[in-house]
Amino acid sequence: MATDLDLRFQAVEPKPGKRLLAAEIAQYNQFGYVQPFDIFDAAEIAAIRGYFDCLMADLGDAGAYGINCYQARMAGIWDIATDARILDHVQDIIGENIICWASAILSKKPGDPRRVPWHQDAAFWQLSPARTVTVWLAIDPADAENAAMQFIPGTHDQGPITTTEEGAGSVFHKGIAGAERLGTPFTNGLKAGQISLHADMLVHGSGPNLSDRRRCGLTLRYCPPEVRIVDEDWARGVEAIIARGLDPSGHWRHHARPANDDIKKTSSPHVVGNN
């Protein structure tokens, strides 16, 4: 982990916003997450699900579990990332200038034995200060049975927590062992079309999907423009969207809506920040 990262949590003023109540912002400050919020209706999320199914099918084995960081390369993902209903919720936490710097379609098939170990997202990134808010959009219904994401409430303001090497059954190689000692996990149950929002230092993870139902979701990473990429090599993998407002500093290169919506007609991005 880089030593020059500011990974401290910054509380949000708990006042009514465009979408969030003062009490909901206070919950975000206290626990590091807030949910659920209705965004897409049944017809809209069915269309998104069909679109994602096609993207994953077109990539074959390479897209079976995850499709990372195509937000600036695929028109359909760009449109979701810039949807005003999502941005209204994000704005209440990070302000009116909003950068979307990463995304990931994450799909756990029925019976998938792999788990996502307990981790803090910002500890994997080269961003400072830690101000990213992750939106998790449920493409399929997510619950305890089909391995919905879990949070450890209140761990977002404890700073970096030591990680250890993970075994073969893990989606990635490092995680926080015994994270349950930090608190009782909360299962992020969501209906299809709903979102949750969580802070970038909140400890979270998910277990194996031992059900007969798929669990697919879309993560969208948003930060205010004052957040900086502190590693030039890492920066080359970021294809950002100024989703709302401005970037007065010009730090973030904006990618306009792409004309392409055929994933076979674009190369895979240099992936950063998704886990």
Protein backbone atom coordinates (compact mmCIF):
# COMPACT_ATOMS: atom_id res chain seq x y z
CA MET A 1 0.00 0.00 0.00
CA ALA A 2 1.27 3.46 -0.84
CA THR A 3 2.27 5.46 2.22
CA ASP A 4 1.08 8.80 0.88
CA LEU A 5 -2.62 7.91 0.64
CA ASP A 6 -5.08 9.79 2.83
CA LEU A 7 -7.57 7.05 3.73
CA ARG A 8 -9.43 8.94 6.44
CA PHE A 9 -13.22 9.11 6.23
CA GLN A 10 -14.75 12.56 5.86
CA ALA A 11 -18.24 12.86 7.29
CA VAL A 12 -20.99 14.47 5.23
CA GLU A 13 -23.12 17.25 6.68
CA PRO A 14 -26.39 15.52 7.63
CA LYS A 15 -28.91 17.77 5.93
CA PRO A 16 -31.69 16.96 3.45
CA GLY A 17 -30.42 16.60 -0.10
CA LYS A 18 -31.85 15.96 -3.55
CA ARG A 19 -32.72 12.35 -2.64
CA LEU A 20 -31.30 11.48 0.76
CA LEU A 21 -32.88 12.48 4.04
CA ALA A 22 -30.72 13.95 6.78
CA ALA A 23 -31.17 10.71 8.73
CA GLU A 24 -29.93 8.67 5.78
CA ILE A 25 -26.81 10.80 5.46
CA ALA A 26 -26.28 10.42 9.21
CA GLN A 27 -26.52 6.64 8.73
CA TYR A 28 -23.89 6.81 5.98
CA ASN A 29 -21.61 8.76 8.33
CA GLN A 30 -22.11 6.30 11.18
CA PHE A 31 -22.15 2.95 9.39
CA GLY A 32 -20.51 3.64 6.00
CA TYR A 33 -23.46 2.63 3.84
CA VAL A 34 -27.08 3.46 3.12
CA GLN A 35 -29.73 1.48 1.22
CA PRO A 36 -32.08 0.52 -0.44
CA PHE A 37 -33.19 3.04 -3.06
CA ASP A 38 -35.51 2.36 -6.00
CA ILE A 39 -33.97 3.49 -9.31
CA PHE A 40 -35.10 1.37 -12.27
CA ASP A 41 -38.59 -0.05 -12.64
CA ALA A 42 -39.27 -3.65 -13.67
CA ALA A 43 -39.22 -2.95 -17.41
CA GLU A 44 -36.05 -0.86 -17.21
CA ILE A 45 -34.07 -3.37 -15.18
CA ALA A 46 -35.26 -6.22 -17.42
CA ALA A 47 -33.84 -4.33 -20.40
CA ILE A 48 -30.56 -3.70 -18.57
CA ARG A 49 -30.38 -7.37 -17.57
CA GLY A 50 -30.85 -8.43 -21.19
CA TYR A 51 -28.16 -5.98 -22.29
CA PHE A 52 -25.69 -7.27 -19.71
CA ASP A 53 -26.50 -10.88 -20.59
CA CYS A 54 -25.57 -10.11 -24.20
CA LEU A 55 -22.31 -8.42 -23.18
CA MET A 56 -21.29 -11.38 -21.04
CA ALA A 57 -22.26 -13.86 -23.74
CA ASP A 58 -20.27 -11.92 -26.36
CA LEU A 59 -17.13 -12.08 -24.19
CA GLY A 60 -17.59 -15.77 -23.40
CA ASP A 61 -15.38 -17.10 -20.63
CA ALA A 62 -13.67 -13.70 -20.29
CA GLY A 63 -16.94 -12.06 -19.28
CA ALA A 64 -18.60 -14.84 -17.35
CA TYR A 65 -17.79 -13.44 -13.89
CA GLY A 66 -16.96 -9.79 -14.46
CA ILE A 67 -16.77 -7.05 -17.09
CA ASN A 68 -14.56 -4.29 -15.74
CA CYS A 69 -14.21 -0.60 -16.56
CA TYR A 70 -16.12 -0.34 -19.85
CA GLN A 71 -18.00 2.79 -18.69
CA ALA A 72 -16.25 4.95 -21.31
CA ARG A 73 -16.31 2.31 -24.08
CA MET A 74 -19.90 1.08 -24.12
CA ALA A 75 -22.82 3.47 -24.65
CA GLY A 76 -25.21 1.44 -22.52
CA ILE A 77 -22.92 1.39 -19.47
CA TRP A 78 -22.13 5.11 -19.97
CA ASP A 79 -25.87 5.83 -19.91
CA ILE A 80 -26.36 3.99 -16.62
CA ALA A 81 -23.34 5.68 -15.04
CA THR A 82 -24.73 9.11 -15.94
CA ASP A 83 -28.38 8.41 -15.09
CA ALA A 84 -29.70 11.42 -13.16
CA ARG A 85 -31.58 9.26 -10.66
CA ILE A 86 -28.36 7.58 -9.55
CA LEU A 87 -26.35 10.82 -9.60
CA ASP A 88 -28.93 12.59 -7.42
CA HIS A 89 -28.18 10.10 -4.62
CA VAL A 90 -24.41 10.33 -5.13
CA GLN A 91 -24.51 14.13 -5.15
CA ASP A 92 -25.95 14.20 -1.65
CA ILE A 93 -22.74 12.54 -0.41
CA ILE A 94 -19.91 13.91 -2.55
CA GLY A 95 -21.29 17.16 -3.98
CA GLU A 96 -22.47 18.43 -7.34
CA ASN A 97 -19.24 17.71 -9.26
CA ILE A 98 -19.11 13.95 -9.84
CA ILE A 99 -16.48 11.77 -11.52
CA CYS A 100 -17.26 8.17 -12.47
CA TRP A 101 -13.86 6.53 -12.73
CA ALA A 102 -14.65 2.79 -12.76
CA SER A 103 -17.41 0.23 -13.13
CA ALA A 104 -17.82 -3.53 -12.98
CA ILE A 105 -20.53 -6.00 -13.94
CA LEU A 106 -20.15 -8.78 -11.37
CA SER A 107 -22.05 -12.03 -11.89
CA LYS A 108 -22.06 -15.03 -9.55
CA LYS A 109 -23.57 -18.05 -11.23
CA PRO A 110 -25.70 -20.53 -9.28
CA GLY A 111 -23.44 -22.86 -7.35
CA ASP A 112 -20.35 -20.65 -7.72
CA PRO A 113 -18.09 -21.73 -4.81
CA ARG A 114 -15.81 -18.68 -4.85
CA ARG A 115 -16.04 -15.99 -2.22
CA VAL A 116 -15.04 -12.34 -2.21
CA PRO A 117 -12.95 -11.96 0.96
CA TRP A 118 -13.48 -9.17 3.45
CA HIS A 119 -11.65 -6.10 2.17
CA GLN A 120 -11.53 -2.30 1.96
CA ASP A 121 -11.69 -1.05 -1.62
CA ALA A 122 -9.57 2.08 -1.23
CA ALA A 123 -6.70 0.02 0.15
CA PHE A 124 -6.34 -1.48 -3.36
CA TRP A 125 -6.45 1.85 -5.20
CA GLN A 126 -4.04 4.69 -5.88
CA LEU A 127 -6.48 7.50 -5.06
CA SER A 128 -6.20 10.17 -2.38
CA PRO A 129 -8.05 11.33 -0.38
CA ALA A 130 -10.46 8.42 0.14
CA ARG A 131 -13.74 9.93 -1.05
CA THR A 132 -15.09 7.36 -3.51
CA VAL A 133 -18.70 6.25 -3.12
CA THR A 134 -19.60 2.91 -4.67
CA VAL A 135 -23.10 2.44 -6.05
CA TRP A 136 -24.14 -1.21 -6.21
CA LEU A 137 -27.04 -1.72 -8.64
CA ALA A 138 -28.88 -5.02 -8.32
CA ILE A 139 -29.43 -6.53 -11.76
CA ASP A 140 -30.84 -9.67 -10.16
CA PRO A 141 -32.46 -9.77 -6.72
CA ALA A 142 -29.71 -10.11 -4.10
CA ASP A 143 -30.21 -11.75 -0.71
CA ALA A 144 -28.40 -13.95 1.81
CA GLU A 145 -29.26 -17.11 -0.13
CA ASN A 146 -27.56 -16.10 -3.38
CA ALA A 147 -24.53 -14.41 -1.79
CA ALA A 148 -25.50 -10.77 -1.55
CA MET A 149 -22.69 -8.45 -0.56
CA GLN A 150 -22.20 -7.99 3.19
CA PHE A 151 -20.92 -4.95 5.08
CA ILE A 152 -19.25 -4.67 8.51
CA PRO A 153 -20.97 -1.50 9.75
CA GLY A 154 -18.74 1.25 11.09
CA THR A 155 -15.44 -0.04 9.72
CA HIS A 156 -15.14 2.78 7.19
CA ASP A 157 -13.52 5.19 9.68
CA GLN A 158 -11.00 2.81 11.27
CA GLY A 159 -8.22 3.35 8.74
CA PRO A 160 -6.47 0.55 6.84
CA ILE A 161 -6.94 -2.89 8.40
CA THR A 162 -4.23 -5.51 7.97
CA THR A 163 -4.78 -8.07 5.22
CA THR A 164 -3.47 -11.59 4.74
CA GLU A 165 -3.01 -13.88 1.76
CA GLU A 166 -6.17 -15.71 0.66
CA GLY A 167 -6.47 -19.28 -0.62
CA ALA A 168 -7.60 -20.74 -3.93
CA GLY A 169 -11.32 -20.33 -3.21
CA SER A 170 -11.05 -16.54 -3.12
CA VAL A 171 -11.83 -14.18 -5.99
CA PHE A 172 -8.68 -12.19 -5.23
CA HIS A 173 -5.51 -12.85 -3.32
CA LYS A 174 -5.73 -10.65 -0.21
CA GLY A 175 -8.39 -10.19 2.44
CA ILE A 176 -9.03 -9.32 6.09
CA ALA A 177 -8.97 -12.49 8.18
CA GLY A 178 -11.55 -12.79 10.93
CA ALA A 179 -13.30 -9.54 10.03
CA GLU A 180 -16.37 -10.62 11.98
CA ARG A 181 -14.50 -9.56 15.12
CA LEU A 182 -15.03 -5.99 13.91
CA GLY A 183 -18.82 -6.24 14.11
CA THR A 184 -21.91 -8.12 12.99
CA PRO A 185 -22.17 -8.33 9.18
CA PHE A 186 -25.11 -6.66 7.45
CA THR A 187 -26.49 -8.38 4.35
CA ASN A 188 -27.02 -5.89 1.53
CA GLY A 189 -30.32 -7.32 0.31
CA LEU A 190 -31.66 -5.52 -2.74
CA LYS A 191 -34.49 -5.99 -5.20
CA ALA A 192 -33.62 -5.85 -8.89
CA GLY A 193 -33.41 -2.18 -9.89
CA GLN A 194 -32.46 -0.94 -6.41
CA ILE A 195 -29.11 0.52 -5.36
CA SER A 196 -27.00 0.80 -2.25
CA LEU A 197 -24.19 3.28 -1.59
CA HIS A 198 -21.10 2.54 0.49
CA ALA A 199 -17.87 4.27 1.47
CA ASP A 200 -14.58 3.18 -0.03
CA MET A 201 -13.00 2.10 3.28
CA LEU A 202 -15.98 0.05 4.50
CA VAL A 203 -15.09 -3.60 5.08
CA HIS A 204 -17.24 -5.78 2.84
CA GLY A 205 -17.27 -9.08 1.00
CA SER A 206 -19.54 -11.90 -0.12
CA GLY A 207 -19.72 -15.66 0.27
CA PRO A 208 -20.12 -18.43 -2.30
CA ASN A 209 -23.41 -18.57 -4.20
CA LEU A 210 -24.75 -21.96 -3.16
CA SER A 211 -28.25 -21.23 -4.42
CA ASP A 212 -29.87 -22.08 -7.76
CA ARG A 213 -30.19 -18.36 -8.63
CA ARG A 214 -27.65 -16.06 -10.24
CA ARG A 215 -26.56 -12.88 -8.46
CA CYS A 216 -25.55 -10.14 -10.87
CA GLY A 217 -24.88 -6.52 -10.03
CA LEU A 218 -23.20 -3.42 -11.41
CA THR A 219 -20.75 -1.39 -9.33
CA LEU A 220 -20.15 2.25 -10.19
CA ARG A 221 -17.31 4.19 -8.55
CA TYR A 222 -17.86 7.94 -8.03
CA CYS A 223 -15.64 10.58 -6.45
CA PRO A 224 -15.43 14.38 -6.33
CA PRO A 225 -12.83 15.97 -8.65
CA GLU A 226 -10.52 16.94 -5.77
CA VAL A 227 -9.59 13.26 -5.44
CA ARG A 228 -6.25 12.63 -7.13
CA ILE A 229 -4.63 9.61 -8.75
CA VAL A 230 -1.22 9.41 -7.08
CA ASP A 231 0.45 6.85 -9.34
CA GLU A 232 1.06 7.69 -13.00
CA ASP A 233 1.16 4.06 -14.13
CA TRP A 234 -2.15 3.38 -12.39
CA ALA A 235 -3.62 6.53 -13.96
CA ARG A 236 -3.13 5.14 -17.45
CA GLY A 237 -5.78 2.53 -16.71
CA VAL A 238 -8.48 5.01 -15.70
CA GLU A 239 -11.08 6.11 -18.27
CA ALA A 240 -13.17 8.64 -16.40
CA ILE A 241 -16.50 10.32 -17.07
CA ILE A 242 -17.34 13.74 -15.67
CA ALA A 243 -20.81 12.44 -14.90
CA ARG A 244 -22.16 15.70 -13.49
CA GLY A 245 -20.85 19.23 -13.04
CA LEU A 246 -17.24 20.19 -13.71
CA ASP A 247 -13.65 19.35 -12.92
CA PRO A 248 -12.19 22.84 -12.43
CA SER A 249 -8.68 21.47 -11.94
CA GLY A 250 -8.64 19.45 -15.16
CA HIS A 251 -7.11 16.49 -13.33
CA TRP A 252 -9.64 14.01 -14.72
CA ARG A 253 -9.73 13.40 -18.46
CA HIS A 254 -13.38 13.23 -19.54
CA HIS A 255 -14.58 10.59 -21.99
CA ALA A 256 -17.70 11.57 -23.92
CA ARG A 257 -20.49 9.11 -24.62
CA PRO A 258 -19.14 6.48 -27.03
CA ALA A 259 -20.96 5.72 -30.25
CA ASN A 260 -20.14 2.02 -29.88
CA ASP A 261 -22.34 -0.47 -28.03
CA ASP A 262 -20.85 -3.68 -29.40
CA ILE A 263 -18.34 -5.04 -26.91
CA LYS A 264 -16.69 -7.12 -29.64
CA LYS A 265 -15.71 -3.90 -31.42
CA THR A 266 -13.58 -2.52 -28.58
CA SER A 267 -10.53 -3.77 -26.76
CA SER A 268 -10.52 -4.60 -23.07
CA PRO A 269 -9.62 -1.62 -20.90
CA HIS A 270 -6.50 -1.71 -18.77
CA VAL A 271 -8.38 -2.60 -15.61
CA VAL A 272 -7.77 -0.88 -12.28
CA GLY A 273 -9.62 -0.65 -9.05
CA ASN A 274 -12.16 -3.45 -9.34
CA ASN A 275 -12.27 -6.40 -7.00
